[in-house]
Amino acid sequence: MTKSSNGMAQVSSSENSYSIVHIDTANAKGGTARLWMVYIKRQRKSFVRHFPDGVYGGRESALAMAMAYREALQRLFPPLTMLEHRTKPRSNNKSGIPGVWARYEKGRLKDWAAFCTSDGQTYQRCFSVKAHGDDGAKALAIATRMEWVAQQPNRFVTVNAQATEVAESRFPQLLDVKSEKGKITFPTAAPPDSLTVNRQLQQLNAWFHALRPQFFHLRLSVYPITSRGYTSLFIVVGNATVPGQLLRKSWTIQRRSYEEVLQLAWEYTQKVAMEQIGLRCWELFQDKYRSTVFASTGKQPLHILHQLDLPQVAALRSQPPPELMPMLEGIHIPALPLGTADAAAS
């Protein structure tokens, strides 16, 4: 892993290819949105989250956040083990034991068969109902299947070396299986149940949502009110990331000059900013954009989108939710590049 000129980590394709893919998709306005998608399966459950390039300051920084999210998933939720995979019945299983099924000939039960594969080798053995009876043949097939399973080394069902390494370091207790004379002693530890998984996933997603960059939005535009014979200055202002915080207001330009109304709009912007983002962020916004706003003439709309440097976001990077802290302690959440979208006339 290397560092780019802007300080963000650069990763090779082999590091980021596992469970992360870059895709183009349509956004709400019908345009193209480019994003990283994290897709990973654990305990037969799929976990998916998107990290748009435009939201996180570019393709590289969005990838860094996607990799952090993938790491958090790997720490929280273990993959299936081979023992789980081999002993959990499938939906079409009728015997209650994977790898054991009844064989029929001309509509009559002929035998019970045991089946197992390991490292490319296939094992199969049939037990005649005529020789052992229905229950006896089934019991022998089950015992044979379990004996074969007990002889196989238990490991995590993963296809990526890094994922395997994380699972083995985080969940070694799930591999602690003992067998004696074909009998399996399952690990005393168990993977998290579905209620725990859903609760922890909800907390993880809420944490990563809070880490998304936030933007303070200001748009000023002058429109004629033809039915009344005057013009008005319209403002849209607020935290563009938080639903419901974009506020709208207008002032008539009739007996007042544009400059006088603009002063009222600036005072309203300050009021909204102080309520939503605080004094420190308002001072930064004011230092950068006051001259731009008061240099405007109203002939063209003025649009400012300013990325916020919120103190609480910096603190969140090192503070996972309390329940997740033991599993996520020390996880690296990248500090995204603080960029601002300069004022633009449109």
Protein backbone atom coordinates (compact mmCIF):
# COMPACT_ATOMS: atom_id res chain seq x y z
CA MET A 1 0.00 0.00 0.00
CA THR A 2 1.38 3.43 -1.00
CA LYS A 3 0.45 7.07 -0.45
CA SER A 4 -0.77 9.37 -3.20
CA SER A 5 0.09 13.05 -3.51
CA ASN A 6 -3.02 14.03 -1.53
CA GLY A 7 -2.16 11.70 1.34
CA MET A 8 -4.83 9.09 0.63
CA ALA A 9 -3.81 5.44 0.61
CA GLN A 10 -3.45 3.85 -2.81
CA VAL A 11 -4.21 0.14 -3.02
CA SER A 12 -3.48 -2.44 -5.65
CA SER A 13 -6.26 -4.19 -7.53
CA SER A 14 -5.54 -7.42 -5.65
CA GLU A 15 -6.15 -5.65 -2.33
CA ASN A 16 -9.44 -4.04 -3.26
CA SER A 17 -10.96 -6.57 -5.65
CA TYR A 18 -12.35 -8.89 -2.97
CA SER A 19 -16.05 -8.03 -2.52
CA ILE A 20 -15.62 -4.47 -3.90
CA VAL A 21 -16.44 -3.38 -7.45
CA HIS A 22 -16.64 0.01 -9.17
CA ILE A 23 -19.83 0.53 -11.17
CA ASP A 24 -21.73 3.19 -13.09
CA THR A 25 -25.42 3.50 -12.32
CA ALA A 26 -28.24 5.97 -12.91
CA ASN A 27 -28.89 8.62 -10.25
CA ALA A 28 -32.23 10.15 -9.25
CA LYS A 29 -31.95 12.82 -11.95
CA GLY A 30 -31.29 10.35 -14.75
CA GLY A 31 -27.57 11.03 -14.93
CA THR A 32 -24.66 8.69 -14.24
CA ALA A 33 -23.46 8.02 -10.71
CA ARG A 34 -20.08 6.34 -10.27
CA LEU A 35 -19.62 4.41 -7.08
CA TRP A 36 -17.92 1.56 -5.27
CA MET A 37 -20.21 -1.27 -4.19
CA VAL A 38 -19.29 -3.51 -1.27
CA TYR A 39 -20.94 -6.93 -1.60
CA ILE A 40 -20.02 -9.67 0.82
CA LYS A 41 -21.75 -12.82 2.09
CA ARG A 42 -21.51 -14.08 5.63
CA GLN A 43 -23.54 -16.95 7.16
CA ARG A 44 -25.66 -17.05 3.96
CA LYS A 45 -26.61 -13.37 4.42
CA SER A 46 -25.68 -10.70 1.86
CA PHE A 47 -24.28 -7.33 2.97
CA VAL A 48 -24.35 -4.47 0.45
CA ARG A 49 -23.43 -0.78 0.69
CA HIS A 50 -22.58 1.90 -1.89
CA PHE A 51 -19.87 4.57 -1.71
CA PRO A 52 -20.40 7.22 -4.46
CA ASP A 53 -17.30 8.95 -5.81
CA GLY A 54 -19.04 12.33 -5.78
CA VAL A 55 -20.07 12.09 -2.13
CA TYR A 56 -16.67 11.06 -0.78
CA GLY A 57 -14.49 13.46 -2.74
CA GLY A 58 -13.40 11.24 -5.62
CA ARG A 59 -12.86 7.65 -6.69
CA GLU A 60 -9.81 7.06 -4.50
CA SER A 61 -11.29 8.37 -1.24
CA ALA A 62 -14.59 6.56 -1.87
CA LEU A 63 -12.61 3.33 -2.28
CA ALA A 64 -10.81 3.95 1.01
CA MET A 65 -14.17 4.21 2.82
CA ALA A 66 -15.48 1.11 1.03
CA MET A 67 -12.45 -0.87 2.19
CA ALA A 68 -12.94 0.33 5.76
CA TYR A 69 -16.56 -0.81 5.64
CA ARG A 70 -15.52 -4.20 4.25
CA GLU A 71 -13.00 -4.59 7.06
CA ALA A 72 -15.69 -3.79 9.64
CA LEU A 73 -17.99 -6.44 8.15
CA GLN A 74 -15.19 -9.02 8.23
CA ARG A 75 -14.47 -8.25 11.88
CA LEU A 76 -18.12 -8.47 12.94
CA PHE A 77 -19.51 -11.39 10.96
CA PRO A 78 -17.66 -14.70 10.43
CA PRO A 79 -17.87 -16.74 7.23
CA LEU A 80 -19.36 -20.21 7.23
CA THR A 81 -17.07 -22.99 8.33
CA MET A 82 -16.79 -26.20 6.34
CA LEU A 83 -18.45 -28.04 9.23
CA GLU A 84 -21.45 -25.68 9.11
CA HIS A 85 -21.57 -25.98 5.35
CA ARG A 86 -21.51 -29.76 5.44
CA THR A 87 -23.98 -30.27 8.30
CA LYS A 88 -26.71 -27.71 7.55
CA PRO A 89 -29.58 -29.26 5.57
CA ARG A 90 -30.45 -27.70 2.22
CA SER A 91 -33.98 -26.68 1.30
CA ASN A 92 -34.42 -29.76 -0.91
CA ASN A 93 -33.02 -32.22 1.65
CA LYS A 94 -35.49 -34.86 2.85
CA SER A 95 -33.31 -36.94 5.14
CA GLY A 96 -32.42 -34.18 7.60
CA ILE A 97 -28.70 -34.75 6.95
CA PRO A 98 -26.83 -33.12 4.04
CA GLY A 99 -25.17 -35.70 1.80
CA VAL A 100 -27.67 -38.44 2.70
CA TRP A 101 -30.63 -39.29 0.48
CA ALA A 102 -32.97 -42.10 -0.45
CA ARG A 103 -32.64 -43.88 -3.79
CA TYR A 104 -35.65 -45.38 -5.52
CA GLU A 105 -36.02 -47.97 -8.27
CA LYS A 106 -39.33 -48.35 -10.11
CA GLY A 107 -41.01 -46.29 -7.42
CA ARG A 108 -39.77 -48.42 -4.52
CA LEU A 109 -37.16 -47.43 -1.93
CA LYS A 110 -33.98 -49.33 -2.80
CA ASP A 111 -31.27 -47.93 -0.51
CA TRP A 112 -29.95 -44.97 1.41
CA ALA A 113 -26.82 -43.29 0.04
CA ALA A 114 -24.07 -41.28 1.73
CA PHE A 115 -22.08 -38.74 -0.28
CA CYS A 116 -19.16 -36.45 0.48
CA THR A 117 -16.56 -34.42 -1.43
CA SER A 118 -13.23 -33.17 -0.15
CA ASP A 119 -10.27 -31.59 -1.94
CA GLY A 120 -11.52 -32.75 -5.32
CA GLN A 121 -12.25 -36.34 -4.25
CA THR A 122 -15.73 -37.84 -4.12
CA TYR A 123 -16.91 -40.46 -1.64
CA GLN A 124 -20.18 -42.38 -2.05
CA ARG A 125 -21.62 -45.49 -0.43
CA CYS A 126 -25.07 -47.08 -0.58
CA PHE A 127 -26.83 -49.21 2.07
CA SER A 128 -29.51 -51.61 0.93
CA VAL A 129 -32.97 -51.39 2.50
CA LYS A 130 -33.42 -55.08 1.74
CA ALA A 131 -30.33 -55.99 3.77
CA HIS A 132 -30.62 -53.48 6.63
CA GLY A 133 -34.23 -52.33 6.66
CA ASP A 134 -35.36 -48.75 6.02
CA ASP A 135 -34.27 -47.34 9.39
CA GLY A 136 -31.09 -49.40 9.52
CA ALA A 137 -29.95 -48.39 6.03
CA LYS A 138 -30.65 -44.73 6.75
CA ALA A 139 -28.78 -44.88 10.07
CA LEU A 140 -25.75 -46.47 8.39
CA ALA A 141 -25.76 -43.84 5.64
CA ILE A 142 -25.91 -41.03 8.22
CA ALA A 143 -23.12 -42.56 10.31
CA THR A 144 -20.94 -42.99 7.21
CA ARG A 145 -21.55 -39.42 6.08
CA MET A 146 -20.72 -38.03 9.56
CA GLU A 147 -17.57 -40.15 9.73
CA TRP A 148 -16.38 -38.70 6.42
CA VAL A 149 -17.20 -35.17 7.56
CA ALA A 150 -15.34 -35.73 10.84
CA GLN A 151 -12.22 -36.72 8.93
CA GLN A 152 -12.15 -33.46 6.95
CA PRO A 153 -10.23 -30.48 8.33
CA ASN A 154 -12.50 -27.65 9.43
CA ARG A 155 -11.80 -24.28 7.81
CA PHE A 156 -13.63 -21.16 6.75
CA VAL A 157 -15.46 -21.21 3.43
CA THR A 158 -13.63 -18.27 1.86
CA VAL A 159 -12.07 -17.65 -1.54
CA ASN A 160 -9.72 -14.83 -0.61
CA ALA A 161 -6.48 -15.17 1.36
CA GLN A 162 -6.95 -11.88 3.21
CA ALA A 163 -10.53 -12.78 4.16
CA THR A 164 -9.35 -16.16 5.42
CA GLU A 165 -6.61 -14.55 7.50
CA VAL A 166 -9.07 -12.10 9.11
CA ALA A 167 -11.56 -14.88 9.89
CA GLU A 168 -8.91 -17.14 11.42
CA SER A 169 -7.56 -14.35 13.62
CA ARG A 170 -11.00 -13.06 14.71
CA PHE A 171 -12.99 -16.29 15.07
CA PRO A 172 -10.58 -19.15 15.87
CA GLN A 173 -13.08 -20.62 18.35
CA LEU A 174 -15.44 -21.50 15.49
CA LEU A 175 -12.84 -23.90 14.09
CA ASP A 176 -12.31 -25.75 17.37
CA VAL A 177 -13.90 -29.05 16.34
CA LYS A 178 -13.04 -32.46 17.76
CA SER A 179 -13.93 -35.87 16.40
CA GLU A 180 -13.61 -39.34 17.88
CA LYS A 181 -14.60 -42.54 16.11
CA GLY A 182 -16.60 -40.59 13.57
CA LYS A 183 -18.46 -38.52 16.16
CA ILE A 184 -18.19 -34.75 15.92
CA THR A 185 -18.01 -32.41 18.87
CA PHE A 186 -19.24 -29.04 17.67
CA PRO A 187 -17.56 -25.83 18.90
CA THR A 188 -19.07 -24.39 22.07
CA ALA A 189 -18.91 -20.94 20.44
CA ALA A 190 -21.47 -20.11 17.77
CA PRO A 191 -21.71 -17.38 15.13
CA PRO A 192 -24.03 -14.46 16.00
CA ASP A 193 -27.74 -15.18 15.60
CA SER A 194 -29.90 -13.29 13.11
CA LEU A 195 -31.20 -10.78 15.67
CA THR A 196 -27.65 -9.90 16.73
CA VAL A 197 -26.50 -9.63 13.11
CA ASN A 198 -29.36 -7.29 12.21
CA ARG A 199 -28.80 -5.11 15.28
CA GLN A 200 -25.05 -4.83 14.74
CA LEU A 201 -25.47 -4.19 11.02
CA GLN A 202 -27.92 -1.38 11.78
CA GLN A 203 -25.41 0.21 14.17
CA LEU A 204 -22.57 -0.18 11.67
CA ASN A 205 -24.57 1.43 8.87
CA ALA A 206 -25.67 4.30 11.12
CA TRP A 207 -22.01 4.90 12.05
CA PHE A 208 -20.84 4.97 8.43
CA HIS A 209 -23.77 7.19 7.48
CA ALA A 210 -22.66 9.68 10.15
CA LEU A 211 -19.16 9.64 8.62
CA ARG A 212 -20.41 10.77 5.22
CA PRO A 213 -19.13 14.24 4.23
CA GLN A 214 -21.65 17.01 4.86
CA PHE A 215 -22.16 20.14 2.76
CA PHE A 216 -23.55 23.59 3.53
CA HIS A 217 -25.62 24.79 0.58
CA LEU A 218 -26.36 28.39 -0.43
CA ARG A 219 -28.22 29.37 -3.59
CA LEU A 220 -29.27 32.96 -4.40
CA SER A 221 -31.39 33.81 -7.43
CA VAL A 222 -33.50 36.75 -8.57
CA TYR A 223 -36.84 36.07 -10.29
CA PRO A 224 -39.42 38.49 -11.66
CA ILE A 225 -42.92 38.21 -10.20
CA THR A 226 -44.68 39.32 -13.38
CA SER A 227 -48.18 39.18 -11.95
CA ARG A 228 -47.24 41.78 -9.33
CA GLY A 229 -44.73 43.80 -11.28
CA TYR A 230 -41.66 43.38 -9.10
CA THR A 231 -38.74 40.99 -8.57
CA SER A 232 -37.72 38.93 -5.56
CA LEU A 233 -34.50 37.49 -4.22
CA PHE A 234 -34.92 33.80 -3.41
CA ILE A 235 -32.59 31.86 -1.11
CA VAL A 236 -32.13 28.15 -0.48
CA VAL A 237 -29.75 27.55 2.42
CA GLY A 238 -28.83 24.83 4.92
CA ASN A 239 -27.07 21.54 5.49
CA ALA A 240 -27.61 19.74 2.19
CA THR A 241 -26.76 16.33 3.67
CA VAL A 242 -29.39 16.22 6.42
CA PRO A 243 -33.01 15.77 5.24
CA GLY A 244 -35.25 18.72 6.07
CA GLN A 245 -32.46 21.24 6.71
CA LEU A 246 -32.58 23.06 3.36
CA LEU A 247 -34.66 26.19 4.09
CA ARG A 248 -36.24 28.63 1.64
CA LYS A 249 -37.10 32.32 1.92
CA SER A 250 -37.60 35.34 -0.35
CA TRP A 251 -37.49 39.15 -0.19
CA THR A 252 -39.10 41.55 -2.61
CA ILE A 253 -36.90 44.00 -4.49
CA GLN A 254 -39.27 46.91 -4.86
CA ARG A 255 -38.50 49.89 -2.66
CA ARG A 256 -35.13 48.44 -1.64
CA SER A 257 -31.99 47.94 -3.64
CA TYR A 258 -30.52 44.53 -4.45
CA GLU A 259 -27.62 45.28 -2.09
CA GLU A 260 -30.02 45.97 0.81
CA VAL A 261 -31.94 42.75 0.22
CA LEU A 262 -28.68 40.84 -0.18
CA GLN A 263 -27.67 41.98 3.31
CA LEU A 264 -30.93 40.51 4.67
CA ALA A 265 -30.20 37.23 2.85
CA TRP A 266 -26.69 37.11 4.34
CA GLU A 267 -28.06 37.68 7.85
CA TYR A 268 -30.56 34.86 7.27
CA THR A 269 -27.74 32.62 6.06
CA GLN A 270 -25.84 33.35 9.29
CA LYS A 271 -28.91 32.49 11.41
CA VAL A 272 -29.43 29.17 9.65
CA ALA A 273 -25.72 28.30 9.77
CA MET A 274 -25.42 29.06 13.49
CA GLU A 275 -28.41 26.80 14.21
CA GLN A 276 -27.36 23.92 11.97
CA ILE A 277 -23.57 23.78 11.82
CA GLY A 278 -22.28 25.96 14.65
CA LEU A 279 -20.05 29.00 15.08
CA ARG A 280 -16.75 27.47 13.97
CA CYS A 281 -18.10 26.16 10.65
CA TRP A 282 -19.95 29.45 10.02
CA GLU A 283 -16.77 31.45 10.53
CA LEU A 284 -14.93 29.28 8.00
CA PHE A 285 -17.78 29.65 5.50
CA GLN A 286 -17.96 33.41 6.07
CA ASP A 287 -14.21 33.92 5.61
CA LYS A 288 -14.24 32.03 2.32
CA TYR A 289 -17.45 33.26 0.69
CA ARG A 290 -18.54 36.64 2.11
CA SER A 291 -16.74 38.64 -0.58
CA THR A 292 -18.12 36.36 -3.31
CA VAL A 293 -21.70 36.79 -2.12
CA PHE A 294 -21.51 40.60 -1.83
CA ALA A 295 -19.82 40.86 -5.22
CA SER A 296 -22.85 39.26 -6.89
CA THR A 297 -25.25 41.44 -8.88
CA GLY A 298 -28.30 39.19 -9.11
CA LYS A 299 -28.03 38.89 -12.88
CA GLN A 300 -27.09 35.22 -12.53
CA PRO A 301 -27.91 32.69 -9.78
CA LEU A 302 -25.12 32.12 -7.28
CA HIS A 303 -24.59 28.57 -5.98
CA ILE A 304 -22.16 27.62 -3.21
CA LEU A 305 -21.64 24.07 -1.94
CA HIS A 306 -19.18 24.02 0.96
CA GLN A 307 -17.91 20.79 2.53
CA LEU A 308 -18.10 21.02 6.30
CA ASP A 309 -15.22 20.22 8.64
CA LEU A 310 -17.37 19.07 11.57
CA PRO A 311 -15.48 18.35 14.82
CA GLN A 312 -17.84 15.51 15.75
CA VAL A 313 -17.04 13.67 12.50
CA ALA A 314 -13.34 13.57 13.34
CA ALA A 315 -14.21 12.12 16.75
CA LEU A 316 -16.49 9.49 15.19
CA ARG A 317 -13.61 8.01 13.22
CA SER A 318 -12.08 6.60 16.38
CA GLN A 319 -15.33 5.86 18.23
CA PRO A 320 -17.39 2.98 16.86
CA PRO A 321 -20.79 2.41 18.49
CA PRO A 322 -20.34 1.05 22.05
CA GLU A 323 -21.62 -2.46 21.28
CA LEU A 324 -19.26 -2.75 18.32
CA MET A 325 -16.21 -1.27 20.06
CA PRO A 326 -14.71 -4.60 21.23
CA MET A 327 -14.78 -5.98 17.67
CA LEU A 328 -13.83 -2.76 15.86
CA GLU A 329 -11.27 -1.31 18.26
CA GLY A 330 -8.33 0.11 16.29
CA ILE A 331 -10.07 -0.04 12.90
CA HIS A 332 -8.75 2.60 10.51
CA ILE A 333 -11.38 5.00 9.17
CA PRO A 334 -9.71 7.31 6.62
CA ALA A 335 -9.89 11.08 7.02
CA LEU A 336 -11.38 12.16 3.72
CA PRO A 337 -9.87 15.11 1.84
CA LEU A 338 -11.66 18.32 2.84
CA GLY A 339 -12.77 19.87 -0.42
CA THR A 340 -15.02 22.82 -1.19
CA ALA A 341 -17.14 23.37 -4.25
CA ASP A 342 -16.39 26.97 -5.11
CA ALA A 343 -19.14 29.47 -5.80
CA ALA A 344 -20.51 29.06 -9.29
CA ALA A 345 -22.80 31.21 -11.34
CA SER A 346 -25.29 29.20 -13.34
